[in-house]
């Protein structure tokens, strides 16, 4: 990690510590939703020719691969 990255990370941690637990949780939900939308957008760009039904099948298959399998 270079100096700029370390400074940004330190600032990020400071901002998180200043947030209430509720705001941190809301931010986590916001980031999760953003990630989900980014993932969907990427798949749509990769498979623009698929029907909605075919797209949903691929999306669910990919999401299933993302889940932690520690059991």
C-alpha atoms as a PDB file:
ATOM      1  CA  UNK A   1       0.000   0.000   0.000  1.00  0.00           C
ATOM      2  CA  UNK A   2       1.492   3.329  -0.996  1.00  0.00           C
ATOM      3  CA  UNK A   3       1.437   6.507   1.104  1.00  0.00           C
ATOM      4  CA  UNK A   4      -1.654   7.974  -0.576  1.00  0.00           C
ATOM      5  CA  UNK A   5      -3.587   4.725  -0.081  1.00  0.00           C
ATOM      6  CA  UNK A   6      -2.570   4.564   3.585  1.00  0.00           C
ATOM      7  CA  UNK A   7      -3.685   8.160   4.164  1.00  0.00           C
ATOM      8  CA  UNK A   8      -6.995   7.529   2.418  1.00  0.00           C
ATOM      9  CA  UNK A   9      -7.519   4.379   4.458  1.00  0.00           C
ATOM     10  CA  UNK A  10      -6.748   6.222   7.684  1.00  0.00           C
ATOM     11  CA  UNK A  11      -9.236   8.955   6.760  1.00  0.00           C
ATOM     12  CA  UNK A  12     -11.840   6.323   5.869  1.00  0.00           C
ATOM     13  CA  UNK A  13     -11.427   4.662   9.279  1.00  0.00           C
ATOM     14  CA  UNK A  14     -11.741   8.044  11.029  1.00  0.00           C
ATOM     15  CA  UNK A  15     -14.976   8.786   9.164  1.00  0.00           C
ATOM     16  CA  UNK A  16     -16.384   5.370  10.055  1.00  0.00           C
ATOM     17  CA  UNK A  17     -15.524   5.835  13.724  1.00  0.00           C
ATOM     18  CA  UNK A  18     -17.346   9.163  13.791  1.00  0.00           C
ATOM     19  CA  UNK A  19     -20.540   7.579  12.448  1.00  0.00           C
ATOM     20  CA  UNK A  20     -23.175   6.181  14.743  1.00  0.00           C
ATOM     21  CA  UNK A  21     -23.708   2.411  14.570  1.00  0.00           C
ATOM     22  CA  UNK A  22     -26.983   3.050  12.753  1.00  0.00           C
ATOM     23  CA  UNK A  23     -25.281   5.174  10.083  1.00  0.00           C
ATOM     24  CA  UNK A  24     -22.551   2.555   9.615  1.00  0.00           C
ATOM     25  CA  UNK A  25     -25.207  -0.109   9.128  1.00  0.00           C
ATOM     26  CA  UNK A  26     -27.076   2.066   6.623  1.00  0.00           C
ATOM     27  CA  UNK A  27     -23.804   2.684   4.764  1.00  0.00           C
ATOM     28  CA  UNK A  28     -23.160  -1.071   4.650  1.00  0.00           C
ATOM     29  CA  UNK A  29     -26.620  -1.625   3.139  1.00  0.00           C
ATOM     30  CA  UNK A  30     -25.999   1.179   0.646  1.00  0.00           C
ATOM     31  CA  UNK A  31     -22.671  -0.309  -0.417  1.00  0.00           C
ATOM     32  CA  UNK A  32     -24.204  -3.782  -0.708  1.00  0.00           C
ATOM     33  CA  UNK A  33     -26.962  -2.444  -2.959  1.00  0.00           C
ATOM     34  CA  UNK A  34     -24.419  -0.540  -5.064  1.00  0.00           C
ATOM     35  CA  UNK A  35     -22.345  -3.710  -5.452  1.00  0.00           C
ATOM     36  CA  UNK A  36     -25.419  -5.711  -6.451  1.00  0.00           C
ATOM     37  CA  UNK A  37     -26.402  -3.132  -9.075  1.00  0.00           C
ATOM     38  CA  UNK A  38     -22.840  -3.006 -10.425  1.00  0.00           C
ATOM     39  CA  UNK A  39     -22.784  -6.805 -10.687  1.00  0.00           C
ATOM     40  CA  UNK A  40     -26.105  -6.852 -12.556  1.00  0.00           C
ATOM     41  CA  UNK A  41     -25.010  -4.053 -14.881  1.00  0.00           C
ATOM     42  CA  UNK A  42     -21.816  -5.941 -15.721  1.00  0.00           C
ATOM     43  CA  UNK A  43     -23.749  -9.091 -16.555  1.00  0.00           C
ATOM     44  CA  UNK A  44     -26.200  -7.123 -18.709  1.00  0.00           C
ATOM     45  CA  UNK A  45     -23.300  -5.649 -20.676  1.00  0.00           C
ATOM     46  CA  UNK A  46     -21.753  -9.094 -21.089  1.00  0.00           C
ATOM     47  CA  UNK A  47     -25.017 -10.798 -22.120  1.00  0.00           C
ATOM     48  CA  UNK A  48     -27.140  -8.140 -23.851  1.00  0.00           C
ATOM     49  CA  UNK A  49     -28.822 -10.674 -26.133  1.00  0.00           C
ATOM     50  CA  UNK A  50     -30.457 -12.789 -23.400  1.00  0.00           C
ATOM     51  CA  UNK A  51     -34.141 -12.782 -22.597  1.00  0.00           C
ATOM     52  CA  UNK A  52     -35.160 -11.724 -19.083  1.00  0.00           C
ATOM     53  CA  UNK A  53     -35.717 -15.364 -18.122  1.00  0.00           C
ATOM     54  CA  UNK A  54     -32.306 -16.467 -19.412  1.00  0.00           C
ATOM     55  CA  UNK A  55     -30.647 -13.498 -17.735  1.00  0.00           C
ATOM     56  CA  UNK A  56     -32.270 -14.323 -14.385  1.00  0.00           C
ATOM     57  CA  UNK A  57     -30.996 -17.912 -14.613  1.00  0.00           C
ATOM     58  CA  UNK A  58     -27.424 -16.735 -15.202  1.00  0.00           C
ATOM     59  CA  UNK A  59     -27.715 -14.092 -12.468  1.00  0.00           C
ATOM     60  CA  UNK A  60     -28.959 -16.616  -9.895  1.00  0.00           C
ATOM     61  CA  UNK A  61     -26.275 -19.121 -10.889  1.00  0.00           C
ATOM     62  CA  UNK A  62     -23.543 -16.488 -10.479  1.00  0.00           C
ATOM     63  CA  UNK A  63     -24.934 -15.258  -7.155  1.00  0.00           C
ATOM     64  CA  UNK A  64     -25.058 -18.827  -5.892  1.00  0.00           C
ATOM     65  CA  UNK A  65     -21.329 -19.157  -6.634  1.00  0.00           C
ATOM     66  CA  UNK A  66     -20.613 -16.074  -4.513  1.00  0.00           C
ATOM     67  CA  UNK A  67     -22.001 -17.437  -1.258  1.00  0.00           C
ATOM     68  CA  UNK A  68     -19.585 -18.697   1.344  1.00  0.00           C
ATOM     69  CA  UNK A  69     -19.626 -22.486   1.561  1.00  0.00           C
ATOM     70  CA  UNK A  70     -17.909 -22.952   4.962  1.00  0.00           C
ATOM     71  CA  UNK A  71     -19.917 -25.906   6.198  1.00  0.00           C
END
